[in-house]
Structure formats: C-alpha cells, structure tokens
C-alpha cells in the first residue's frame, strides 16, 4: 500500500502551488467530496471535472489566501488532517478550521469528508 501521508502531502503541495492538473493527478475518476454539517452530508463535488471547476474557482478567487495543515495522521488508507485556511472577507483576514477525512484507493484520493470546526459552514 502506498504511504497515504506522502500522497496527501504531495497533493497538498500541488494545491498550494495552485496547479490544477497536478492536483487532479492525485484523485480517482470516481472522486467525491462531502461537506458534513449539522444537517448531514452534502455532496460538493463529484468526479474530476467538478473537482477541476472547484479548484479553479478557489485559485481564481481574490479572497482565498492560503491553507496550512496543522495536524496529519493516517490510519491504513485514511488520512485525517486539521487545516487552517486564510481568507480575506470585507477587507478583513479570516481563518477557518476544517477537519478533513481523506480516503484513498491505492494511490488515488477517492473520498473527502470535511467538517467545519470553527462554526463556519
């Protein structure tokens, strides 16, 4: 089994570099991202095409500044990470925390479940 923490770090590096093609090389064809809220799971992205569209929106946004992973732990094919993302909203800098659960199939990221932990949806 590939080292999923290394895969996560490599895909995070591609994200930090805002390299959509490279970031997508780490995801499976059946990739899906779910945002978990108090109302349940909401499908935010399904497949590489939607993932590419979402990445482009973030990378083209003037509001998104950067993200930092402050905790990372793997359990078999699962990576759990705590991330702090910085945004600019109304001229103010805002930091939001997200707990992400990343599930790999072989060397590809298949599912992501993200939980907002600072009360933001």
PDB file of N, CA and C in Angstrom:
ATOM      1  N   UNK A   1       0.848  -1.180   0.000  1.00  0.00           N
ATOM      2  CA  UNK A   1       0.000   0.000   0.000  1.00  0.00           C
ATOM      3  C   UNK A   1       0.894   1.244   0.000  1.00  0.00           C
ATOM      4  N   UNK A   2       0.555   2.227  -0.828  1.00  0.00           N
ATOM      5  CA  UNK A   2       1.338   3.462  -0.841  1.00  0.00           C
ATOM      6  C   UNK A   2       1.215   4.200   0.493  1.00  0.00           C
ATOM      7  N   UNK A   3       2.182   5.035   0.787  1.00  0.00           N
ATOM      8  CA  UNK A   3       2.140   5.847   2.001  1.00  0.00           C
ATOM      9  C   UNK A   3       1.160   7.001   1.763  1.00  0.00           C
ATOM     10  N   UNK A   4      -0.020   6.906   2.347  1.00  0.00           N
ATOM     11  CA  UNK A   4      -1.064   7.895   2.090  1.00  0.00           C
ATOM     12  C   UNK A   4      -0.714   9.278   2.641  1.00  0.00           C
ATOM     13  N   UNK A   5       0.104   9.328   3.683  1.00  0.00           N
ATOM     14  CA  UNK A   5       0.524  10.647   4.181  1.00  0.00           C
ATOM     15  C   UNK A   5       1.406  11.339   3.141  1.00  0.00           C
ATOM     16  N   UNK A   6       2.292  10.576   2.480  1.00  0.00           N
ATOM     17  CA  UNK A   6       3.115  11.157   1.418  1.00  0.00           C
ATOM     18  C   UNK A   6       2.242  11.623   0.252  1.00  0.00           C
ATOM     19  N   UNK A   7       1.241  10.816  -0.106  1.00  0.00           N
ATOM     20  CA  UNK A   7       0.322  11.209  -1.179  1.00  0.00           C
ATOM     21  C   UNK A   7      -0.428  12.484  -0.804  1.00  0.00           C
ATOM     22  N   UNK A   8      -0.886  12.557   0.441  1.00  0.00           N
ATOM     23  CA  UNK A   8      -1.602  13.746   0.903  1.00  0.00           C
ATOM     24  C   UNK A   8      -0.689  14.972   0.833  1.00  0.00           C
ATOM     25  N   UNK A   9       0.543  14.832   1.312  1.00  0.00           N
ATOM     26  CA  UNK A   9       1.479  15.971   1.286  1.00  0.00           C
ATOM     27  C   UNK A   9       1.760  16.418  -0.149  1.00  0.00           C
ATOM     28  N   UNK A  10       1.938  15.455  -1.052  1.00  0.00           N
ATOM     29  CA  UNK A  10       2.212  15.792  -2.448  1.00  0.00           C
ATOM     30  C   UNK A  10       1.010  16.495  -3.094  1.00  0.00           C
ATOM     31  N   UNK A  11      -0.190  16.023  -2.802  1.00  0.00           N
ATOM     32  CA  UNK A  11      -1.372  16.675  -3.372  1.00  0.00           C
ATOM     33  C   UNK A  11      -1.586  18.046  -2.729  1.00  0.00           C
ATOM     34  N   UNK A  12      -1.266  18.173  -1.450  1.00  0.00           N
ATOM     35  CA  UNK A  12      -1.361  19.477  -0.782  1.00  0.00           C
ATOM     36  C   UNK A  12      -0.376  20.469  -1.379  1.00  0.00           C
ATOM     37  N   UNK A  13       0.804  19.984  -1.734  1.00  0.00           N
ATOM     38  CA  UNK A  13       1.815  20.845  -2.368  1.00  0.00           C
ATOM     39  C   UNK A  13       1.292  21.354  -3.717  1.00  0.00           C
ATOM     40  N   UNK A  14       0.679  20.459  -4.494  1.00  0.00           N
ATOM     41  CA  UNK A  14       0.100  20.874  -5.780  1.00  0.00           C
ATOM     42  C   UNK A  14      -0.990  21.922  -5.549  1.00  0.00           C
ATOM     43  N   UNK A  15      -1.800  21.737  -4.509  1.00  0.00           N
ATOM     44  CA  UNK A  15      -2.844  22.707  -4.161  1.00  0.00           C
ATOM     45  C   UNK A  15      -2.213  24.055  -3.792  1.00  0.00           C
ATOM     46  N   UNK A  16      -1.180  24.011  -2.944  1.00  0.00           N
ATOM     47  CA  UNK A  16      -0.507  25.249  -2.533  1.00  0.00           C
ATOM     48  C   UNK A  16       0.101  25.981  -3.729  1.00  0.00           C
ATOM     49  N   UNK A  17       0.556  25.209  -4.710  1.00  0.00           N
ATOM     50  CA  UNK A  17       1.139  25.790  -5.923  1.00  0.00           C
ATOM     51  C   UNK A  17       0.065  26.196  -6.931  1.00  0.00           C
ATOM     52  N   UNK A  18      -1.189  25.913  -6.592  1.00  0.00           N
ATOM     53  CA  UNK A  18      -2.340  26.228  -7.440  1.00  0.00           C
ATOM     54  C   UNK A  18      -2.215  25.578  -8.819  1.00  0.00           C
ATOM     55  N   UNK A  19      -1.754  24.332  -8.800  1.00  0.00           N
ATOM     56  CA  UNK A  19      -1.543  23.554 -10.026  1.00  0.00           C
ATOM     57  C   UNK A  19      -2.696  22.547 -10.161  1.00  0.00           C
ATOM     58  N   UNK A  20      -3.718  22.929 -10.904  1.00  0.00           N
ATOM     59  CA  UNK A  20      -4.914  22.099 -11.024  1.00  0.00           C
ATOM     60  C   UNK A  20      -4.593  20.747 -11.645  1.00  0.00           C
ATOM     61  N   UNK A  21      -3.847  20.738 -12.722  1.00  0.00           N
ATOM     62  CA  UNK A  21      -3.534  19.474 -13.405  1.00  0.00           C
ATOM     63  C   UNK A  21      -2.816  18.509 -12.467  1.00  0.00           C
ATOM     64  N   UNK A  22      -1.837  19.017 -11.748  1.00  0.00           N
ATOM     65  CA  UNK A  22      -1.086  18.171 -10.814  1.00  0.00           C
ATOM     66  C   UNK A  22      -1.982  17.717  -9.656  1.00  0.00           C
ATOM     67  N   UNK A  23      -2.785  18.622  -9.125  1.00  0.00           N
ATOM     68  CA  UNK A  23      -3.677  18.257  -8.015  1.00  0.00           C
ATOM     69  C   UNK A  23      -4.644  17.157  -8.449  1.00  0.00           C
ATOM     70  N   UNK A  24      -5.176  17.246  -9.656  1.00  0.00           N
ATOM     71  CA  UNK A  24      -6.119  16.244 -10.149  1.00  0.00           C
ATOM     72  C   UNK A  24      -5.455  14.897 -10.417  1.00  0.00           C
ATOM     73  N   UNK A  25      -4.146  14.891 -10.604  1.00  0.00           N
ATOM     74  CA  UNK A  25      -3.445  13.620 -10.851  1.00  0.00           C
ATOM     75  C   UNK A  25      -3.478  12.717  -9.616  1.00  0.00           C
ATOM     76  N   UNK A  26      -3.826  13.272  -8.473  1.00  0.00           N
ATOM     77  CA  UNK A  26      -3.880  12.502  -7.223  1.00  0.00           C
ATOM     78  C   UNK A  26      -5.276  11.972  -6.903  1.00  0.00           C
ATOM     79  N   UNK A  27      -6.292  12.329  -7.705  1.00  0.00           N
ATOM     80  CA  UNK A  27      -7.652  11.901  -7.391  1.00  0.00           C
ATOM     81  C   UNK A  27      -8.139  10.817  -8.345  1.00  0.00           C
ATOM     82  N   UNK A  28      -9.033   9.966  -7.847  1.00  0.00           N
ATOM     83  CA  UNK A  28      -9.600   8.880  -8.645  1.00  0.00           C
ATOM     84  C   UNK A  28     -10.683   9.419  -9.575  1.00  0.00           C
ATOM     85  N   UNK A  29     -11.028   8.625 -10.566  1.00  0.00           N
ATOM     86  CA  UNK A  29     -12.081   9.024 -11.501  1.00  0.00           C
ATOM     87  C   UNK A  29     -13.424   9.161 -10.805  1.00  0.00           C
ATOM     88  N   UNK A  30     -13.640   8.387  -9.733  1.00  0.00           N
ATOM     89  CA  UNK A  30     -14.922   8.442  -9.011  1.00  0.00           C
ATOM     90  C   UNK A  30     -14.843   9.310  -7.752  1.00  0.00           C
ATOM     91  N   UNK A  31     -13.887  10.223  -7.722  1.00  0.00           N
ATOM     92  CA  UNK A  31     -13.679  11.134  -6.588  1.00  0.00           C
ATOM     93  C   UNK A  31     -14.981  11.823  -6.186  1.00  0.00           C
ATOM     94  N   UNK A  32     -15.172  11.966  -4.879  1.00  0.00           N
ATOM     95  CA  UNK A  32     -16.313  12.721  -4.360  1.00  0.00           C
ATOM     96  C   UNK A  32     -15.910  13.423  -3.062  1.00  0.00           C
ATOM     97  N   UNK A  33     -16.403  14.662  -2.904  1.00  0.00           N
ATOM     98  CA  UNK A  33     -16.135  15.451  -1.700  1.00  0.00           C
ATOM     99  C   UNK A  33     -17.480  15.792  -1.056  1.00  0.00           C
ATOM    100  N   UNK A  34     -17.571  15.499   0.239  1.00  0.00           N
ATOM    101  CA  UNK A  34     -18.777  15.769   1.010  1.00  0.00           C
ATOM    102  C   UNK A  34     -18.453  16.754   2.131  1.00  0.00           C
ATOM    103  N   UNK A  35     -19.280  17.755   2.272  1.00  0.00           N
ATOM    104  CA  UNK A  35     -19.194  18.685   3.405  1.00  0.00           C
ATOM    105  C   UNK A  35     -20.202  18.184   4.435  1.00  0.00           C
ATOM    106  N   UNK A  36     -19.743  17.971   5.652  1.00  0.00           N
ATOM    107  CA  UNK A  36     -20.606  17.468   6.712  1.00  0.00           C
ATOM    108  C   UNK A  36     -21.038  18.643   7.589  1.00  0.00           C
ATOM    109  N   UNK A  37     -22.343  18.803   7.718  1.00  0.00           N
ATOM    110  CA  UNK A  37     -22.891  19.868   8.553  1.00  0.00           C
ATOM    111  C   UNK A  37     -23.865  19.247   9.547  1.00  0.00           C
ATOM    112  N   UNK A  38     -24.471  20.063  10.372  1.00  0.00           N
ATOM    113  CA  UNK A  38     -25.442  19.537  11.335  1.00  0.00           C
ATOM    114  C   UNK A  38     -26.658  18.935  10.634  1.00  0.00           C
ATOM    115  N   UNK A  39     -26.849  19.284   9.358  1.00  0.00           N
ATOM    116  CA  UNK A  39     -27.969  18.731   8.594  1.00  0.00           C
ATOM    117  C   UNK A  39     -27.607  17.449   7.855  1.00  0.00           C
ATOM    118  N   UNK A  40     -26.340  17.034   7.939  1.00  0.00           N
ATOM    119  CA  UNK A  40     -25.919  15.804   7.278  1.00  0.00           C
ATOM    120  C   UNK A  40     -24.854  16.051   6.225  1.00  0.00           C
ATOM    121  N   UNK A  41     -24.688  15.073   5.338  1.00  0.00           N
ATOM    122  CA  UNK A  41     -23.656  15.136   4.300  1.00  0.00           C
ATOM    123  C   UNK A  41     -24.207  15.813   3.050  1.00  0.00           C
ATOM    124  N   UNK A  42     -23.445  16.774   2.552  1.00  0.00           N
ATOM    125  CA  UNK A  42     -23.814  17.479   1.323  1.00  0.00           C
ATOM    126  C   UNK A  42     -22.721  17.211   0.290  1.00  0.00           C
ATOM    127  N   UNK A  43     -23.098  16.624  -0.842  1.00  0.00           N
ATOM    128  CA  UNK A  43     -22.148  16.362  -1.913  1.00  0.00           C
ATOM    129  C   UNK A  43     -21.752  17.682  -2.551  1.00  0.00           C
ATOM    130  N   UNK A  44     -20.468  18.023  -2.483  1.00  0.00           N
ATOM    131  CA  UNK A  44     -19.980  19.288  -3.020  1.00  0.00           C
ATOM    132  C   UNK A  44     -19.310  19.127  -4.382  1.00  0.00           C
ATOM    133  N   UNK A  45     -18.743  17.937  -4.622  1.00  0.00           N
ATOM    134  CA  UNK A  45     -18.022  17.722  -5.876  1.00  0.00           C
ATOM    135  C   UNK A  45     -18.005  16.239  -6.186  1.00  0.00           C
ATOM    136  N   UNK A  46     -18.262  15.901  -7.444  1.00  0.00           N
ATOM    137  CA  UNK A  46     -18.220  14.502  -7.859  1.00  0.00           C
ATOM    138  C   UNK A  46     -17.515  14.411  -9.206  1.00  0.00           C
ATOM    139  N   UNK A  47     -16.454  13.623  -9.255  1.00  0.00           N
ATOM    140  CA  UNK A  47     -15.703  13.448 -10.487  1.00  0.00           C
ATOM    141  C   UNK A  47     -14.641  14.510 -10.675  1.00  0.00           C
ATOM    142  N   UNK A  48     -13.720  14.226 -11.580  1.00  0.00           N
ATOM    143  CA  UNK A  48     -12.588  15.129 -11.807  1.00  0.00           C
ATOM    144  C   UNK A  48     -13.003  16.460 -12.421  1.00  0.00           C
ATOM    145  N   UNK A  49     -14.030  16.444 -13.275  1.00  0.00           N
ATOM    146  CA  UNK A  49     -14.445  17.691 -13.923  1.00  0.00           C
ATOM    147  C   UNK A  49     -14.961  18.698 -12.900  1.00  0.00           C
ATOM    148  N   UNK A  50     -15.813  18.252 -11.986  1.00  0.00           N
ATOM    149  CA  UNK A  50     -16.312  19.148 -10.945  1.00  0.00           C
ATOM    150  C   UNK A  50     -15.187  19.559 -10.001  1.00  0.00           C
ATOM    151  N   UNK A  51     -14.274  18.631  -9.712  1.00  0.00           N
ATOM    152  CA  UNK A  51     -13.138  18.977  -8.850  1.00  0.00           C
ATOM    153  C   UNK A  51     -12.289  20.064  -9.497  1.00  0.00           C
ATOM    154  N   UNK A  52     -12.045  19.947 -10.799  1.00  0.00           N
ATOM    155  CA  UNK A  52     -11.256  20.954 -11.518  1.00  0.00           C
ATOM    156  C   UNK A  52     -11.958  22.313 -11.482  1.00  0.00           C
ATOM    157  N   UNK A  53     -13.280  22.311 -11.667  1.00  0.00           N
ATOM    158  CA  UNK A  53     -14.045  23.553 -11.627  1.00  0.00           C
ATOM    159  C   UNK A  53     -13.939  24.209 -10.249  1.00  0.00           C
ATOM    160  N   UNK A  54     -14.075  23.404  -9.187  1.00  0.00           N
ATOM    161  CA  UNK A  54     -13.968  23.928  -7.822  1.00  0.00           C
ATOM    162  C   UNK A  54     -12.592  24.485  -7.520  1.00  0.00           C
ATOM    163  N   UNK A  55     -11.556  23.765  -7.948  1.00  0.00           N
ATOM    164  CA  UNK A  55     -10.193  24.250  -7.728  1.00  0.00           C
ATOM    165  C   UNK A  55      -9.965  25.567  -8.457  1.00  0.00           C
ATOM    166  N   UNK A  56     -10.439  25.663  -9.687  1.00  0.00           N
ATOM    167  CA  UNK A  56     -10.268  26.896 -10.455  1.00  0.00           C
ATOM    168  C   UNK A  56     -10.961  28.063  -9.756  1.00  0.00           C
ATOM    169  N   UNK A  57     -12.162  27.829  -9.223  1.00  0.00           N
ATOM    170  CA  UNK A  57     -12.868  28.900  -8.502  1.00  0.00           C
ATOM    171  C   UNK A  57     -12.065  29.389  -7.305  1.00  0.00           C
ATOM    172  N   UNK A  58     -11.500  28.452  -6.537  1.00  0.00           N
ATOM    173  CA  UNK A  58     -10.702  28.834  -5.362  1.00  0.00           C
ATOM    174  C   UNK A  58      -9.440  29.577  -5.795  1.00  0.00           C
ATOM    175  N   UNK A  59      -8.728  29.017  -6.770  1.00  0.00           N
ATOM    176  CA  UNK A  59      -7.454  29.602  -7.189  1.00  0.00           C
ATOM    177  C   UNK A  59      -7.630  30.967  -7.854  1.00  0.00           C
ATOM    178  N   UNK A  60      -8.748  31.179  -8.534  1.00  0.00           N
ATOM    179  CA  UNK A  60      -9.008  32.463  -9.182  1.00  0.00           C
ATOM    180  C   UNK A  60      -9.577  33.503  -8.221  1.00  0.00           C
ATOM    181  N   UNK A  61      -9.980  33.069  -7.033  1.00  0.00           N
ATOM    182  CA  UNK A  61     -10.590  33.957  -6.057  1.00  0.00           C
ATOM    183  C   UNK A  61      -9.551  34.875  -5.424  1.00  0.00           C
ATOM    184  N   UNK A  62      -9.923  36.118  -5.263  1.00  0.00           N
ATOM    185  CA  UNK A  62      -9.052  37.060  -4.560  1.00  0.00           C
ATOM    186  C   UNK A  62      -9.209  36.926  -3.047  1.00  0.00           C
ATOM    187  N   UNK A  63     -10.246  36.209  -2.603  1.00  0.00           N
ATOM    188  CA  UNK A  63     -10.493  36.060  -1.174  1.00  0.00           C
ATOM    189  C   UNK A  63      -9.603  34.993  -0.533  1.00  0.00           C
ATOM    190  N   UNK A  64      -9.345  33.895  -1.276  1.00  0.00           N
ATOM    191  CA  UNK A  64      -8.547  32.812  -0.698  1.00  0.00           C
ATOM    192  C   UNK A  64      -7.081  33.211  -0.663  1.00  0.00           C
ATOM    193  N   UNK A  65      -6.449  33.052   0.503  1.00  0.00           N
ATOM    194  CA  UNK A  65      -5.039  33.405   0.641  1.00  0.00           C
ATOM    195  C   UNK A  65      -4.169  32.158   0.699  1.00  0.00           C
ATOM    196  N   UNK A  66      -4.396  31.311   1.717  1.00  0.00           N
ATOM    197  CA  UNK A  66      -3.591  30.100   1.834  1.00  0.00           C
ATOM    198  C   UNK A  66      -4.196  29.168   2.862  1.00  0.00           C
ATOM    199  N   UNK A  67      -3.700  27.944   2.853  1.00  0.00           N
ATOM    200  CA  UNK A  67      -4.110  26.952   3.830  1.00  0.00           C
ATOM    201  C   UNK A  67      -2.897  26.289   4.453  1.00  0.00           C
ATOM    202  N   UNK A  68      -3.029  25.911   5.693  1.00  0.00           N
ATOM    203  CA  UNK A  68      -1.953  25.225   6.409  1.00  0.00           C
ATOM    204  C   UNK A  68      -2.511  23.989   7.092  1.00  0.00           C
ATOM    205  N   UNK A  69      -1.810  22.884   6.950  1.00  0.00           N
ATOM    206  CA  UNK A  69      -2.175  21.653   7.650  1.00  0.00           C
ATOM    207  C   UNK A  69      -1.429  21.671   8.982  1.00  0.00           C
ATOM    208  N   UNK A  70      -2.183  21.627  10.080  1.00  0.00           N
ATOM    209  CA  UNK A  70      -1.554  21.693  11.398  1.00  0.00           C
ATOM    210  C   UNK A  70      -1.556  20.354  12.119  1.00  0.00           C
ATOM    211  N   UNK A  71      -2.292  19.378  11.581  1.00  0.00           N
ATOM    212  CA  UNK A  71      -2.311  18.024  12.148  1.00  0.00           C
ATOM    213  C   UNK A  71      -2.541  17.058  11.010  1.00  0.00           C
ATOM    214  N   UNK A  72      -1.798  15.946  11.035  1.00  0.00           N
ATOM    215  CA  UNK A  72      -1.919  14.934   9.986  1.00  0.00           C
ATOM    216  C   UNK A  72      -1.638  13.569  10.592  1.00  0.00           C
ATOM    217  N   UNK A  73      -2.563  12.619  10.381  1.00  0.00           N
ATOM    218  CA  UNK A  73      -2.396  11.262  10.906  1.00  0.00           C
ATOM    219  C   UNK A  73      -3.067  10.299   9.944  1.00  0.00           C
ATOM    220  N   UNK A  74      -2.419   9.170   9.693  1.00  0.00           N
ATOM    221  CA  UNK A  74      -3.030   8.175   8.812  1.00  0.00           C
ATOM    222  C   UNK A  74      -3.393   6.923   9.590  1.00  0.00           C
ATOM    223  N   UNK A  75      -4.431   6.268   9.092  1.00  0.00           N
ATOM    224  CA  UNK A  75      -4.926   5.007   9.641  1.00  0.00           C
ATOM    225  C   UNK A  75      -5.227   4.117   8.440  1.00  0.00           C
ATOM    226  N   UNK A  76      -4.283   3.270   8.058  1.00  0.00           N
ATOM    227  CA  UNK A  76      -4.464   2.442   6.866  1.00  0.00           C
ATOM    228  C   UNK A  76      -4.549   3.316   5.633  1.00  0.00           C
ATOM    229  N   UNK A  77      -5.682   3.266   4.922  1.00  0.00           N
ATOM    230  CA  UNK A  77      -5.855   4.057   3.696  1.00  0.00           C
ATOM    231  C   UNK A  77      -6.562   5.396   3.950  1.00  0.00           C
ATOM    232  N   UNK A  78      -6.659   5.800   5.219  1.00  0.00           N
ATOM    233  CA  UNK A  78      -7.358   7.029   5.593  1.00  0.00           C
ATOM    234  C   UNK A  78      -6.374   8.030   6.198  1.00  0.00           C
ATOM    235  N   UNK A  79      -6.495   9.278   5.772  1.00  0.00           N
ATOM    236  CA  UNK A  79      -5.732  10.379   6.357  1.00  0.00           C
ATOM    237  C   UNK A  79      -6.721  11.316   7.038  1.00  0.00           C
ATOM    238  N   UNK A  80      -6.393  11.721   8.251  1.00  0.00           N
ATOM    239  CA  UNK A  80      -7.166  12.732   8.971  1.00  0.00           C
ATOM    240  C   UNK A  80      -6.258  13.949   9.107  1.00  0.00           C
ATOM    241  N   UNK A  81      -6.778  15.111   8.702  1.00  0.00           N
ATOM    242  CA  UNK A  81      -5.966  16.333   8.744  1.00  0.00           C
ATOM    243  C   UNK A  81      -6.807  17.485   9.292  1.00  0.00           C
ATOM    244  N   UNK A  82      -6.145  18.341  10.074  1.00  0.00           N
ATOM    245  CA  UNK A  82      -6.765  19.582  10.520  1.00  0.00           C
ATOM    246  C   UNK A  82      -6.097  20.697   9.734  1.00  0.00           C
ATOM    247  N   UNK A  83      -6.930  21.505   9.083  1.00  0.00           N
ATOM    248  CA  UNK A  83      -6.422  22.551   8.209  1.00  0.00           C
ATOM    249  C   UNK A  83      -6.952  23.906   8.638  1.00  0.00           C
ATOM    250  N   UNK A  84      -6.090  24.896   8.543  1.00  0.00           N
ATOM    251  CA  UNK A  84      -6.468  26.285   8.799  1.00  0.00           C
ATOM    252  C   UNK A  84      -6.336  27.036   7.484  1.00  0.00           C
ATOM    253  N   UNK A  85      -7.461  27.533   6.978  1.00  0.00           N
ATOM    254  CA  UNK A  85      -7.460  28.296   5.734  1.00  0.00           C
ATOM    255  C   UNK A  85      -7.650  29.766   6.029  1.00  0.00           C
ATOM    256  N   UNK A  86      -6.896  30.593   5.311  1.00  0.00           N
ATOM    257  CA  UNK A  86      -6.991  32.036   5.488  1.00  0.00           C
ATOM    258  C   UNK A  86      -7.683  32.655   4.278  1.00  0.00           C
ATOM    259  N   UNK A  87      -8.631  33.546   4.568  1.00  0.00           N
ATOM    260  CA  UNK A  87      -9.402  34.245   3.550  1.00  0.00           C
ATOM    261  C   UNK A  87      -9.395  35.731   3.864  1.00  0.00           C
ATOM    262  N   UNK A  88      -9.736  36.499   2.863  1.00  0.00           N
ATOM    263  CA  UNK A  88      -9.972  37.917   3.069  1.00  0.00           C
ATOM    264  C   UNK A  88     -11.446  38.159   2.796  1.00  0.00           C
ATOM    265  N   UNK A  89     -12.173  38.642   3.807  1.00  0.00           N
ATOM    266  CA  UNK A  89     -13.595  38.929   3.676  1.00  0.00           C
ATOM    267  C   UNK A  89     -13.849  40.355   4.117  1.00  0.00           C
ATOM    268  N   UNK A  90     -14.370  41.177   3.222  1.00  0.00           N
ATOM    269  CA  UNK A  90     -14.663  42.562   3.556  1.00  0.00           C
ATOM    270  C   UNK A  90     -13.438  43.326   4.037  1.00  0.00           C
ATOM    271  N   UNK A  91     -12.283  43.001   3.462  1.00  0.00           N
ATOM    272  CA  UNK A  91     -11.049  43.673   3.845  1.00  0.00           C
ATOM    273  C   UNK A  91     -10.395  43.129   5.103  1.00  0.00           C
ATOM    274  N   UNK A  92     -11.034  42.187   5.764  1.00  0.00           N
ATOM    275  CA  UNK A  92     -10.508  41.591   6.998  1.00  0.00           C
ATOM    276  C   UNK A  92      -9.986  40.184   6.717  1.00  0.00           C
ATOM    277  N   UNK A  93      -8.943  39.801   7.424  1.00  0.00           N
ATOM    278  CA  UNK A  93      -8.426  38.448   7.319  1.00  0.00           C
ATOM    279  C   UNK A  93      -9.201  37.531   8.262  1.00  0.00           C
ATOM    280  N   UNK A  94      -9.625  36.387   7.733  1.00  0.00           N
ATOM    281  CA  UNK A  94     -10.408  35.418   8.487  1.00  0.00           C
ATOM    282  C   UNK A  94      -9.714  34.064   8.375  1.00  0.00           C
ATOM    283  N   UNK A  95      -9.655  33.335   9.489  1.00  0.00           N
ATOM    284  CA  UNK A  95      -9.102  31.988   9.482  1.00  0.00           C
ATOM    285  C   UNK A  95     -10.192  31.008   9.858  1.00  0.00           C
ATOM    286  N   UNK A  96     -10.298  29.937   9.066  1.00  0.00           N
ATOM    287  CA  UNK A  96     -11.295  28.901   9.323  1.00  0.00           C
ATOM    288  C   UNK A  96     -10.610  27.551   9.456  1.00  0.00           C
ATOM    289  N   UNK A  97     -11.088  26.779  10.412  1.00  0.00           N
ATOM    290  CA  UNK A  97     -10.549  25.443  10.622  1.00  0.00           C
ATOM    291  C   UNK A  97     -11.450  24.379  10.028  1.00  0.00           C
ATOM    292  N   UNK A  98     -10.835  23.372   9.450  1.00  0.00           N
ATOM    293  CA  UNK A  98     -11.571  22.251   8.865  1.00  0.00           C
ATOM    294  C   UNK A  98     -10.885  20.954   9.243  1.00  0.00           C
ATOM    295  N   UNK A  99     -11.665  19.995   9.681  1.00  0.00           N
ATOM    296  CA  UNK A  99     -11.170  18.645   9.896  1.00  0.00           C
ATOM    297  C   UNK A  99     -11.544  17.860   8.652  1.00  0.00           C
ATOM    298  N   UNK A 100     -10.547  17.291   7.993  1.00  0.00           N
ATOM    299  CA  UNK A 100     -10.792  16.539   6.768  1.00  0.00           C
ATOM    300  C   UNK A 100     -10.457  15.069   6.947  1.00  0.00           C
ATOM    301  N   UNK A 101     -11.300  14.207   6.401  1.00  0.00           N
ATOM    302  CA  UNK A 101     -11.054  12.769   6.367  1.00  0.00           C
ATOM    303  C   UNK A 101     -10.907  12.416   4.894  1.00  0.00           C
ATOM    304  N   UNK A 102      -9.733  11.908   4.535  1.00  0.00           N
ATOM    305  CA  UNK A 102      -9.382  11.622   3.148  1.00  0.00           C
ATOM    306  C   UNK A 102      -9.202  10.117   2.995  1.00  0.00           C
ATOM    307  N   UNK A 103      -9.955   9.526   2.067  1.00  0.00           N
ATOM    308  CA  UNK A 103      -9.906   8.080   1.874  1.00  0.00           C
ATOM    309  C   UNK A 103      -9.275   7.782   0.515  1.00  0.00           C
ATOM    310  N   UNK A 104      -8.253   6.948   0.551  1.00  0.00           N
ATOM    311  CA  UNK A 104      -7.508   6.594  -0.662  1.00  0.00           C
ATOM    312  C   UNK A 104      -7.853   5.184  -1.117  1.00  0.00           C
ATOM    313  N   UNK A 105      -7.908   5.009  -2.440  1.00  0.00           N
ATOM    314  CA  UNK A 105      -7.981   3.689  -3.067  1.00  0.00           C
ATOM    315  C   UNK A 105      -6.676   3.542  -3.831  1.00  0.00           C
ATOM    316  N   UNK A 106      -5.789   2.702  -3.319  1.00  0.00           N
ATOM    317  CA  UNK A 106      -4.464   2.606  -3.920  1.00  0.00           C
ATOM    318  C   UNK A 106      -3.747   3.931  -3.760  1.00  0.00           C
ATOM    319  N   UNK A 107      -3.294   4.496  -4.884  1.00  0.00           N
ATOM    320  CA  UNK A 107      -2.558   5.768  -4.814  1.00  0.00           C
ATOM    321  C   UNK A 107      -3.413   6.970  -5.231  1.00  0.00           C
ATOM    322  N   UNK A 108      -4.740   6.804  -5.216  1.00  0.00           N
ATOM    323  CA  UNK A 108      -5.632   7.894  -5.617  1.00  0.00           C
ATOM    324  C   UNK A 108      -6.604   8.253  -4.492  1.00  0.00           C
ATOM    325  N   UNK A 109      -6.835   9.545  -4.345  1.00  0.00           N
ATOM    326  CA  UNK A 109      -7.808  10.042  -3.376  1.00  0.00           C
ATOM    327  C   UNK A 109      -9.211   9.804  -3.925  1.00  0.00           C
ATOM    328  N   UNK A 110     -10.023   9.086  -3.172  1.00  0.00           N
ATOM    329  CA  UNK A 110     -11.352   8.698  -3.640  1.00  0.00           C
ATOM    330  C   UNK A 110     -12.476   9.503  -2.985  1.00  0.00           C
ATOM    331  N   UNK A 111     -12.400   9.697  -1.676  1.00  0.00           N
ATOM    332  CA  UNK A 111     -13.461  10.396  -0.945  1.00  0.00           C
ATOM    333  C   UNK A 111     -12.852  11.391   0.039  1.00  0.00           C
ATOM    334  N   UNK A 112     -13.542  12.516   0.181  1.00  0.00           N
ATOM    335  CA  UNK A 112     -13.171  13.519   1.180  1.00  0.00           C
ATOM    336  C   UNK A 112     -14.431  13.876   1.950  1.00  0.00           C
ATOM    337  N   UNK A 113     -14.299  13.896   3.264  1.00  0.00           N
ATOM    338  CA  UNK A 113     -15.377  14.339   4.161  1.00  0.00           C
ATOM    339  C   UNK A 113     -14.797  15.482   4.973  1.00  0.00           C
ATOM    340  N   UNK A 114     -15.388  16.677   4.847  1.00  0.00           N
ATOM    341  CA  UNK A 114     -14.855  17.828   5.572  1.00  0.00           C
ATOM    342  C   UNK A 114     -15.866  18.331   6.587  1.00  0.00           C
ATOM    343  N   UNK A 115     -15.341  18.661   7.758  1.00  0.00           N
ATOM    344  CA  UNK A 115     -16.133  19.141   8.891  1.00  0.00           C
ATOM    345  C   UNK A 115     -15.606  20.511   9.294  1.00  0.00           C
ATOM    346  N   UNK A 116     -16.443  21.517   9.223  1.00  0.00           N
ATOM    347  CA  UNK A 116     -16.068  22.832   9.684  1.00  0.00           C
ATOM    348  C   UNK A 116     -16.031  22.798  11.210  1.00  0.00           C
ATOM    349  N   UNK A 117     -14.908  23.170  11.807  1.00  0.00           N
ATOM    350  CA  UNK A 117     -14.794  23.054  13.255  1.00  0.00           C
ATOM    351  C   UNK A 117     -14.813  24.387  13.983  1.00  0.00           C
ATOM    352  N   UNK A 118     -14.918  25.459  13.235  1.00  0.00           N
ATOM    353  CA  UNK A 118     -14.984  26.787  13.861  1.00  0.00           C
ATOM    354  C   UNK A 118     -16.363  27.392  13.773  1.00  0.00           C
ATOM    355  N   UNK A 119     -17.364  26.560  13.463  1.00  0.00           N
ATOM    356  CA  UNK A 119     -18.722  27.046  13.386  1.00  0.00           C
ATOM    357  C   UNK A 119     -19.104  27.624  12.038  1.00  0.00           C
ATOM    358  N   UNK A 120     -18.182  27.637  11.075  1.00  0.00           N
ATOM    359  CA  UNK A 120     -18.496  28.154   9.758  1.00  0.00           C
ATOM    360  C   UNK A 120     -19.013  27.042   8.859  1.00  0.00           C
ATOM    361  N   UNK A 121     -19.972  27.342   8.024  1.00  0.00           N
ATOM    362  CA  UNK A 121     -20.493  26.355   7.071  1.00  0.00           C
ATOM    363  C   UNK A 121     -19.902  26.591   5.701  1.00  0.00           C
TER     364      UNK A 121
END
